[in-house]
Amino acid sequence: MECLRKAFKEGDEFIANVAKSYNDMGETPLLVAIKNRNFRTVKFLVSKLKVSVIQVGQFTWKNVDYTDVPPLFAAVISNQLTIINFLVDSEQYNPPVVFILTSSDLE
């Protein structure tokens, strides 16, 4: 209840900070929404609160703990195609391009 009072008092900045925070288990609000299979919350966090789609955290699925995973990985292992598509199509998602060079490439 205190958290809600503070949110009303401090407004949007407080809500945005909470949306980017971690709980005691190391989960982000976005990862919790994915774990709970709640697309509406995922969409709200990403679209309205601009939560990063690459912020990593703890994710537990089928009694397996995953550390430092991004939301897209969590959506993939939990088989949530709607969330996968939404995250990939989001304006924020721009995966880094990794080039693997071999010694022959350098010659």
Protein backbone atom coordinates (compact mmCIF):
# COMPACT_ATOMS: atom_id res chain seq x y z
CA MET A 1 0.00 0.00 0.00
CA GLU A 2 2.86 2.35 0.78
CA CYS A 3 4.22 1.75 -2.72
CA LEU A 4 0.90 2.86 -4.23
CA ARG A 5 0.78 5.99 -2.09
CA LYS A 6 4.30 6.88 -3.20
CA ALA A 7 3.36 6.25 -6.83
CA PHE A 8 0.44 8.66 -6.64
CA LYS A 9 2.56 11.23 -4.85
CA GLU A 10 5.63 11.12 -7.09
CA GLY A 11 3.87 10.26 -10.34
CA ASP A 12 5.26 9.04 -13.60
CA GLU A 13 8.95 9.12 -12.67
CA PHE A 14 8.39 6.79 -9.72
CA ILE A 15 6.31 4.38 -11.79
CA ALA A 16 8.96 4.31 -14.54
CA ASN A 17 11.68 3.58 -11.96
CA VAL A 18 9.68 0.75 -10.41
CA ALA A 19 9.05 -0.72 -13.86
CA LYS A 20 12.81 -0.89 -14.43
CA SER A 21 13.63 -2.33 -11.00
CA TYR A 22 14.29 -5.84 -9.69
CA ASN A 23 12.42 -7.77 -7.02
CA ASP A 24 14.11 -9.81 -4.25
CA MET A 25 14.49 -12.76 -6.64
CA GLY A 26 16.26 -10.68 -9.30
CA GLU A 27 13.26 -10.59 -11.63
CA THR A 28 12.25 -7.51 -13.59
CA PRO A 29 8.57 -6.57 -13.89
CA LEU A 30 8.77 -7.50 -17.59
CA LEU A 31 10.12 -10.97 -16.81
CA VAL A 32 7.43 -11.46 -14.17
CA ALA A 33 4.76 -10.50 -16.71
CA ILE A 34 6.22 -13.00 -19.17
CA LYS A 35 6.35 -15.72 -16.51
CA ASN A 36 2.69 -15.03 -15.74
CA ARG A 37 1.87 -15.13 -19.46
CA ASN A 38 0.33 -11.66 -19.23
CA PHE A 39 0.60 -10.05 -22.66
CA ARG A 40 -1.36 -6.95 -21.64
CA THR A 41 1.16 -6.17 -18.92
CA VAL A 42 4.10 -6.87 -21.26
CA LYS A 43 2.61 -4.47 -23.80
CA PHE A 44 1.96 -1.81 -21.15
CA LEU A 45 5.49 -2.03 -19.72
CA VAL A 46 7.18 -1.83 -23.12
CA SER A 47 4.84 0.56 -24.95
CA LYS A 48 3.77 2.94 -22.22
CA LEU A 49 6.55 2.80 -19.63
CA LYS A 50 9.35 2.21 -22.14
CA VAL A 51 10.85 -0.66 -20.17
CA SER A 52 13.93 -1.99 -21.93
CA VAL A 53 13.37 -5.18 -23.91
CA ILE A 54 17.00 -6.14 -23.34
CA GLN A 55 17.16 -5.66 -19.55
CA VAL A 56 18.30 -8.99 -18.13
CA GLY A 57 17.21 -10.66 -14.94
CA GLN A 58 16.38 -13.94 -13.23
CA PHE A 59 13.76 -16.16 -14.86
CA THR A 60 12.39 -19.45 -13.57
CA TRP A 61 10.47 -21.74 -15.87
CA LYS A 62 9.44 -25.34 -15.19
CA ASN A 63 11.59 -25.44 -12.05
CA VAL A 64 14.72 -24.33 -13.90
CA ASP A 65 16.41 -21.09 -12.86
CA TYR A 66 17.95 -18.96 -15.61
CA THR A 67 20.27 -16.11 -14.69
CA ASP A 68 20.83 -12.90 -16.64
CA VAL A 69 18.32 -13.62 -19.38
CA PRO A 70 16.63 -11.03 -21.60
CA PRO A 71 12.86 -11.00 -22.03
CA LEU A 72 13.00 -12.48 -25.53
CA PHE A 73 14.80 -15.57 -24.22
CA ALA A 74 12.19 -15.91 -21.46
CA ALA A 75 9.36 -15.68 -24.00
CA VAL A 76 11.01 -18.29 -26.23
CA ILE A 77 11.60 -20.90 -23.52
CA SER A 78 8.09 -20.40 -22.18
CA ASN A 79 6.64 -20.79 -25.69
CA GLN A 80 4.77 -17.48 -25.95
CA LEU A 81 4.61 -16.60 -29.62
CA THR A 82 2.50 -13.46 -29.16
CA ILE A 83 5.03 -12.00 -26.74
CA ILE A 84 7.97 -13.11 -28.91
CA ASN A 85 6.49 -11.31 -31.93
CA PHE A 86 5.68 -8.22 -29.90
CA LEU A 87 9.21 -7.97 -28.45
CA VAL A 88 10.88 -8.51 -31.83
CA ASP A 89 8.59 -5.97 -33.50
CA SER A 90 9.02 -3.38 -30.74
CA GLU A 91 10.80 -0.17 -31.65
CA GLN A 92 13.44 -0.87 -29.01
CA TYR A 93 14.53 -4.25 -30.29
CA ASN A 94 17.68 -3.91 -32.30
CA PRO A 95 19.84 -6.96 -31.70
CA PRO A 96 23.56 -6.42 -31.86
CA VAL A 97 25.20 -7.76 -34.97
CA VAL A 98 28.05 -10.08 -34.15
CA PHE A 99 30.69 -10.84 -36.72
CA ILE A 100 32.80 -13.92 -36.32
CA LEU A 101 36.11 -13.58 -38.06
CA THR A 102 38.34 -16.47 -38.92
CA SER A 103 42.02 -16.22 -39.74
CA SER A 104 41.19 -16.60 -43.45
CA ASP A 105 38.98 -13.49 -43.28
CA LEU A 106 41.96 -11.45 -42.17
CA GLU A 107 44.26 -12.49 -45.02
